[in-house]
Structure formats: C-alpha cells, structure tokens
C-alpha cells in the first residue's frame, strides 16, 4: 500500500463491493474495493464509512442495526441496509473483535 495514495474520505456508492479493515501504524483504515476494479485506501475505519453513508440516507449505523435486529431477530453479523432503493446492503463477513476491525461486504443480487 502506498500511503501517498490514501484519501481522507470516501462515499459509498452502488459500485462499492467491499470495505476491509486494515491496521496501519496502530490505526484501522479502510481498503475499499469497487466492482469496476478500482481500489481505494481511506484514512477511516470501515464502520465510519458505513455510518456516514447511513446518515446520508437518513439513519445511522446503530439505527440500521437495531432495525435489522428487530425485524430479522438476529444478534450477530447484522446486515446493514444503507439504501434499500438502490440495493446497497452490506454484511459483516465475521463477528468483529472490536467495532474498528469490522469489515463489510456488499450483498450480491442476481
């Protein structure tokens, strides 16, 4: 990874496929993969990017998680509905050790 290619922010969009947590210099950053082959490094943990996207669409990460828990009756690896109208649903592929280590993968609708 080239630190000079790292951006300060990123807007999750319909071509975002995965946001992976990576530890750099003691802090978690995001490695973002897009369906068009583009990759980005962002100076924020994945949970910050997801929360920002949820807030843009009128909720918060915590609100989306609570809603999904209530509807689906699940406690772990809760899916995140960022924007249902554009099909942006993200899932943590494993239960994180801490909130900063959470990675997210987009659902694939066939």
N, C-alpha and C. Protein backbone atom coordinates (compact mmCIF):
# COMPACT_ATOMS: atom_id res chain seq x y z
N UNK A 1 0.83 -1.18 0.00
CA UNK A 1 0.00 0.00 0.00
C UNK A 1 0.88 1.24 0.00
N UNK A 2 0.49 2.22 -0.78
CA UNK A 2 1.20 3.48 -0.82
C UNK A 2 0.43 4.50 0.00
N UNK A 3 1.07 5.00 1.06
CA UNK A 3 0.38 5.95 1.93
C UNK A 3 0.06 7.25 1.22
N UNK A 4 0.81 7.62 0.19
CA UNK A 4 0.53 8.85 -0.53
C UNK A 4 -0.74 8.72 -1.38
N UNK A 5 -1.23 7.51 -1.60
CA UNK A 5 -2.45 7.27 -2.38
C UNK A 5 -3.67 7.15 -1.48
N UNK A 6 -3.51 7.41 -0.19
CA UNK A 6 -4.60 7.26 0.76
C UNK A 6 -5.42 8.55 0.82
N UNK A 7 -6.76 8.43 0.73
CA UNK A 7 -7.61 9.61 0.80
C UNK A 7 -8.17 9.77 2.21
N UNK A 8 -8.71 10.94 2.49
CA UNK A 8 -9.28 11.21 3.80
C UNK A 8 -10.71 10.73 3.94
N UNK A 9 -11.42 10.65 2.82
CA UNK A 9 -12.80 10.21 2.89
C UNK A 9 -13.20 9.47 1.62
N UNK A 10 -14.35 8.84 1.69
CA UNK A 10 -14.87 8.04 0.57
C UNK A 10 -16.37 7.98 0.71
N UNK A 11 -17.07 8.09 -0.39
CA UNK A 11 -18.53 7.99 -0.38
C UNK A 11 -18.94 6.63 -0.93
N UNK A 12 -19.58 5.84 -0.09
CA UNK A 12 -20.08 4.53 -0.52
C UNK A 12 -21.12 4.74 -1.60
N UNK A 13 -21.04 3.95 -2.66
CA UNK A 13 -21.94 4.12 -3.79
C UNK A 13 -22.31 2.74 -4.33
N UNK A 14 -23.20 2.66 -5.33
CA UNK A 14 -23.64 1.35 -5.83
C UNK A 14 -22.54 0.45 -6.38
N UNK A 15 -21.36 0.97 -6.75
CA UNK A 15 -20.28 0.10 -7.24
C UNK A 15 -19.33 -0.35 -6.14
N UNK A 16 -19.55 0.12 -4.89
CA UNK A 16 -18.73 -0.33 -3.76
C UNK A 16 -19.09 -1.78 -3.45
N UNK A 17 -18.08 -2.66 -3.45
CA UNK A 17 -18.32 -4.08 -3.24
C UNK A 17 -17.90 -4.53 -1.84
N UNK A 18 -16.78 -4.00 -1.33
CA UNK A 18 -16.30 -4.42 -0.01
C UNK A 18 -15.51 -3.29 0.62
N UNK A 19 -15.57 -3.23 1.95
CA UNK A 19 -14.78 -2.30 2.73
C UNK A 19 -14.09 -3.13 3.79
N UNK A 20 -12.77 -3.23 3.67
CA UNK A 20 -11.99 -4.14 4.50
C UNK A 20 -11.13 -3.35 5.48
N UNK A 21 -11.17 -3.73 6.75
CA UNK A 21 -10.36 -3.08 7.78
C UNK A 21 -8.91 -3.55 7.68
N UNK A 22 -7.99 -2.61 7.70
CA UNK A 22 -6.56 -2.91 7.74
C UNK A 22 -5.92 -2.04 8.79
N UNK A 23 -4.98 -2.63 9.54
CA UNK A 23 -4.29 -1.89 10.58
C UNK A 23 -3.00 -1.31 10.02
N UNK A 24 -2.85 0.01 10.14
CA UNK A 24 -1.65 0.69 9.66
C UNK A 24 -1.20 1.67 10.75
N UNK A 25 0.03 1.53 11.18
CA UNK A 25 0.59 2.41 12.21
C UNK A 25 -0.27 2.46 13.47
N UNK A 26 -0.87 1.35 13.83
CA UNK A 26 -1.68 1.28 15.05
C UNK A 26 -3.12 1.73 14.90
N UNK A 27 -3.52 2.17 13.72
CA UNK A 27 -4.88 2.64 13.47
C UNK A 27 -5.52 1.81 12.36
N UNK A 28 -6.85 1.70 12.41
CA UNK A 28 -7.55 0.98 11.36
C UNK A 28 -7.95 1.93 10.25
N UNK A 29 -7.69 1.51 9.03
CA UNK A 29 -8.08 2.24 7.83
C UNK A 29 -8.98 1.33 7.01
N UNK A 30 -9.51 1.86 5.92
CA UNK A 30 -10.38 1.08 5.04
C UNK A 30 -9.72 0.84 3.70
N UNK A 31 -9.79 -0.40 3.25
CA UNK A 31 -9.39 -0.78 1.91
C UNK A 31 -10.70 -1.03 1.17
N UNK A 32 -11.01 -0.19 0.19
CA UNK A 32 -12.30 -0.24 -0.49
C UNK A 32 -12.14 -0.83 -1.88
N UNK A 33 -12.96 -1.83 -2.17
CA UNK A 33 -12.98 -2.47 -3.49
C UNK A 33 -14.27 -2.08 -4.22
N UNK A 34 -14.14 -1.79 -5.51
CA UNK A 34 -15.31 -1.47 -6.32
C UNK A 34 -15.46 -2.48 -7.44
N UNK A 35 -16.68 -2.65 -7.93
CA UNK A 35 -16.96 -3.65 -8.96
C UNK A 35 -16.27 -3.33 -10.29
N UNK A 36 -15.86 -2.10 -10.50
CA UNK A 36 -15.16 -1.73 -11.73
C UNK A 36 -13.65 -1.95 -11.64
N UNK A 37 -13.19 -2.55 -10.55
CA UNK A 37 -11.77 -2.87 -10.38
C UNK A 37 -10.98 -1.81 -9.62
N UNK A 38 -11.59 -0.70 -9.32
CA UNK A 38 -10.92 0.36 -8.58
C UNK A 38 -10.75 -0.03 -7.12
N UNK A 39 -9.60 0.33 -6.55
CA UNK A 39 -9.35 0.12 -5.13
C UNK A 39 -8.95 1.45 -4.51
N UNK A 40 -9.32 1.65 -3.27
CA UNK A 40 -9.01 2.90 -2.55
C UNK A 40 -8.60 2.57 -1.12
N UNK A 41 -7.68 3.35 -0.59
CA UNK A 41 -7.36 3.32 0.82
C UNK A 41 -7.88 4.60 1.43
N UNK A 42 -8.59 4.49 2.55
CA UNK A 42 -9.20 5.65 3.18
C UNK A 42 -8.76 5.70 4.64
N UNK A 43 -8.44 6.89 5.13
CA UNK A 43 -7.93 7.08 6.49
C UNK A 43 -9.03 7.04 7.54
N UNK A 44 -9.98 6.17 7.38
CA UNK A 44 -11.06 5.97 8.35
C UNK A 44 -11.34 4.48 8.46
N UNK A 45 -11.77 4.02 9.64
CA UNK A 45 -12.16 2.61 9.73
C UNK A 45 -13.46 2.38 8.96
N UNK A 46 -13.70 1.16 8.49
CA UNK A 46 -14.91 0.86 7.73
C UNK A 46 -16.20 1.29 8.41
N UNK A 47 -16.28 1.13 9.72
CA UNK A 47 -17.51 1.48 10.44
C UNK A 47 -17.82 2.97 10.29
N UNK A 48 -16.81 3.82 10.17
CA UNK A 48 -17.05 5.26 9.97
C UNK A 48 -17.64 5.53 8.59
N UNK A 49 -17.13 4.82 7.58
CA UNK A 49 -17.67 4.99 6.23
C UNK A 49 -19.12 4.52 6.16
N UNK A 50 -19.41 3.38 6.78
CA UNK A 50 -20.76 2.83 6.78
C UNK A 50 -21.71 3.77 7.54
N UNK A 51 -21.29 4.26 8.70
CA UNK A 51 -22.13 5.17 9.48
C UNK A 51 -22.42 6.45 8.70
N UNK A 52 -21.41 7.00 8.04
CA UNK A 52 -21.60 8.22 7.24
C UNK A 52 -22.63 7.98 6.12
N UNK A 53 -22.53 6.84 5.45
CA UNK A 53 -23.47 6.51 4.37
C UNK A 53 -24.89 6.34 4.93
N UNK A 54 -25.02 5.68 6.07
CA UNK A 54 -26.35 5.52 6.68
C UNK A 54 -26.94 6.88 7.03
N UNK A 55 -26.12 7.77 7.57
CA UNK A 55 -26.60 9.11 7.94
C UNK A 55 -27.02 9.90 6.71
N UNK A 56 -26.31 9.73 5.62
CA UNK A 56 -26.67 10.42 4.39
C UNK A 56 -28.09 10.04 3.94
N UNK A 57 -28.44 8.77 4.18
CA UNK A 57 -29.76 8.29 3.78
C UNK A 57 -30.77 8.32 4.92
N UNK A 58 -30.50 9.12 5.97
CA UNK A 58 -31.50 9.42 6.99
C UNK A 58 -31.53 8.55 8.22
N UNK A 59 -30.48 7.81 8.50
CA UNK A 59 -30.45 6.98 9.70
C UNK A 59 -29.05 7.02 10.29
N UNK A 60 -28.64 5.98 10.93
CA UNK A 60 -27.27 5.83 11.44
C UNK A 60 -26.96 4.34 11.42
N UNK A 61 -25.71 3.99 11.57
CA UNK A 61 -25.34 2.58 11.61
C UNK A 61 -26.06 1.90 12.77
N UNK A 62 -26.06 2.53 13.92
CA UNK A 62 -26.72 1.94 15.09
C UNK A 62 -28.22 1.76 14.83
N UNK A 63 -28.86 2.76 14.22
CA UNK A 63 -30.29 2.66 13.92
C UNK A 63 -30.59 1.55 12.93
N UNK A 64 -29.74 1.42 11.90
CA UNK A 64 -29.93 0.35 10.91
C UNK A 64 -29.74 -1.02 11.55
N UNK A 65 -28.75 -1.13 12.44
CA UNK A 65 -28.50 -2.40 13.12
C UNK A 65 -29.68 -2.77 14.03
N UNK A 66 -30.17 -1.80 14.79
CA UNK A 66 -31.29 -2.07 15.69
C UNK A 66 -32.54 -2.48 14.91
N UNK A 67 -32.79 -1.80 13.79
CA UNK A 67 -33.94 -2.15 12.96
C UNK A 67 -33.82 -3.56 12.40
N UNK A 68 -32.64 -3.90 11.90
CA UNK A 68 -32.42 -5.25 11.34
C UNK A 68 -32.54 -6.31 12.43
N UNK A 69 -32.02 -6.03 13.62
CA UNK A 69 -32.12 -7.00 14.73
C UNK A 69 -33.59 -7.26 15.06
N UNK A 70 -34.38 -6.20 15.09
CA UNK A 70 -35.78 -6.34 15.44
C UNK A 70 -36.55 -7.12 14.36
N UNK A 71 -36.33 -6.79 13.11
CA UNK A 71 -37.05 -7.43 12.02
C UNK A 71 -36.61 -8.87 11.81
N UNK A 72 -35.28 -9.09 11.82
CA UNK A 72 -34.73 -10.41 11.50
C UNK A 72 -34.53 -11.31 12.71
N UNK A 73 -34.61 -10.73 13.90
CA UNK A 73 -34.38 -11.48 15.14
C UNK A 73 -33.00 -12.15 15.14
N UNK A 74 -31.98 -11.37 14.78
CA UNK A 74 -30.59 -11.84 14.83
C UNK A 74 -29.80 -10.94 15.75
N UNK A 75 -28.73 -11.47 16.32
CA UNK A 75 -27.90 -10.69 17.22
C UNK A 75 -26.48 -10.47 16.69
N UNK A 76 -26.03 -11.36 15.83
CA UNK A 76 -24.65 -11.29 15.35
C UNK A 76 -24.62 -11.13 13.83
N UNK A 77 -23.58 -10.47 13.35
CA UNK A 77 -23.38 -10.27 11.91
C UNK A 77 -24.64 -9.68 11.26
N UNK A 78 -25.14 -8.62 11.86
CA UNK A 78 -26.38 -7.99 11.42
C UNK A 78 -26.17 -7.30 10.08
N UNK A 79 -27.03 -7.56 9.09
CA UNK A 79 -26.92 -6.88 7.79
C UNK A 79 -27.26 -5.40 7.94
N UNK A 80 -26.60 -4.57 7.14
CA UNK A 80 -26.81 -3.14 7.17
C UNK A 80 -27.49 -2.69 5.88
N UNK A 81 -28.66 -2.12 6.00
CA UNK A 81 -29.39 -1.59 4.85
C UNK A 81 -29.03 -0.11 4.72
N UNK A 82 -28.05 0.20 3.88
CA UNK A 82 -27.64 1.59 3.72
C UNK A 82 -28.69 2.36 2.93
N UNK A 83 -29.06 1.85 1.75
CA UNK A 83 -30.08 2.48 0.91
C UNK A 83 -30.83 1.38 0.15
N UNK A 84 -31.94 0.92 0.69
CA UNK A 84 -32.67 -0.17 0.04
C UNK A 84 -33.11 0.15 -1.39
N UNK A 85 -33.42 1.41 -1.69
CA UNK A 85 -33.91 1.75 -3.03
C UNK A 85 -32.86 1.55 -4.11
N UNK A 86 -31.58 1.63 -3.74
CA UNK A 86 -30.52 1.39 -4.73
C UNK A 86 -29.84 0.04 -4.53
N UNK A 87 -30.35 -0.77 -3.61
CA UNK A 87 -29.79 -2.10 -3.39
C UNK A 87 -28.49 -2.13 -2.62
N UNK A 88 -28.23 -1.10 -1.80
CA UNK A 88 -26.98 -1.08 -1.03
C UNK A 88 -27.20 -1.70 0.35
N UNK A 89 -26.91 -2.99 0.42
CA UNK A 89 -26.95 -3.75 1.66
C UNK A 89 -25.56 -4.29 1.90
N UNK A 90 -25.04 -4.09 3.11
CA UNK A 90 -23.71 -4.59 3.43
C UNK A 90 -23.80 -5.55 4.61
N UNK A 91 -22.92 -6.53 4.61
CA UNK A 91 -22.90 -7.56 5.63
C UNK A 91 -21.50 -7.69 6.20
N UNK A 92 -21.38 -7.78 7.54
CA UNK A 92 -20.07 -8.10 8.11
C UNK A 92 -19.81 -9.60 7.88
N UNK A 93 -18.70 -9.98 7.24
CA UNK A 93 -18.47 -11.40 6.95
C UNK A 93 -18.13 -12.23 8.18
N UNK A 94 -17.77 -11.59 9.28
CA UNK A 94 -17.49 -12.32 10.52
C UNK A 94 -17.79 -11.38 11.68
N UNK A 95 -17.96 -11.95 12.84
CA UNK A 95 -18.21 -11.14 14.02
C UNK A 95 -16.90 -10.44 14.40
N UNK A 96 -16.90 -9.10 14.48
CA UNK A 96 -15.66 -8.38 14.78
C UNK A 96 -15.24 -8.52 16.24
N UNK A 97 -13.93 -8.40 16.48
CA UNK A 97 -13.43 -8.38 17.85
C UNK A 97 -13.74 -7.02 18.48
N UNK A 98 -13.57 -5.96 17.72
CA UNK A 98 -13.93 -4.61 18.14
C UNK A 98 -14.63 -3.94 16.97
N UNK A 99 -15.29 -2.84 17.22
CA UNK A 99 -16.04 -2.15 16.17
C UNK A 99 -15.11 -1.66 15.06
N UNK A 100 -13.88 -1.24 15.38
CA UNK A 100 -12.95 -0.74 14.37
C UNK A 100 -12.45 -1.83 13.42
N UNK A 101 -12.50 -3.07 13.84
CA UNK A 101 -11.98 -4.16 13.00
C UNK A 101 -13.03 -4.74 12.06
N UNK A 102 -14.24 -4.17 12.09
CA UNK A 102 -15.33 -4.68 11.26
C UNK A 102 -15.05 -4.43 9.79
N UNK A 103 -15.21 -5.45 8.96
CA UNK A 103 -15.17 -5.30 7.52
C UNK A 103 -16.59 -5.56 7.01
N UNK A 104 -16.89 -5.04 5.81
CA UNK A 104 -18.23 -5.21 5.26
C UNK A 104 -18.14 -5.63 3.81
N UNK A 105 -19.03 -6.51 3.40
CA UNK A 105 -19.13 -6.94 2.01
C UNK A 105 -20.54 -6.65 1.52
N UNK A 106 -20.65 -6.22 0.30
CA UNK A 106 -21.96 -5.90 -0.26
C UNK A 106 -22.66 -7.18 -0.69
N UNK A 107 -23.98 -7.16 -0.54
CA UNK A 107 -24.75 -8.31 -1.00
C UNK A 107 -24.74 -8.33 -2.51
N UNK A 108 -24.90 -9.51 -3.06
CA UNK A 108 -24.97 -9.67 -4.50
C UNK A 108 -26.37 -10.11 -4.86
N UNK A 109 -27.05 -9.28 -5.63
CA UNK A 109 -28.41 -9.60 -6.05
C UNK A 109 -28.37 -10.10 -7.48
N UNK A 110 -28.82 -11.32 -7.72
CA UNK A 110 -28.80 -11.90 -9.07
C UNK A 110 -30.16 -11.79 -9.72
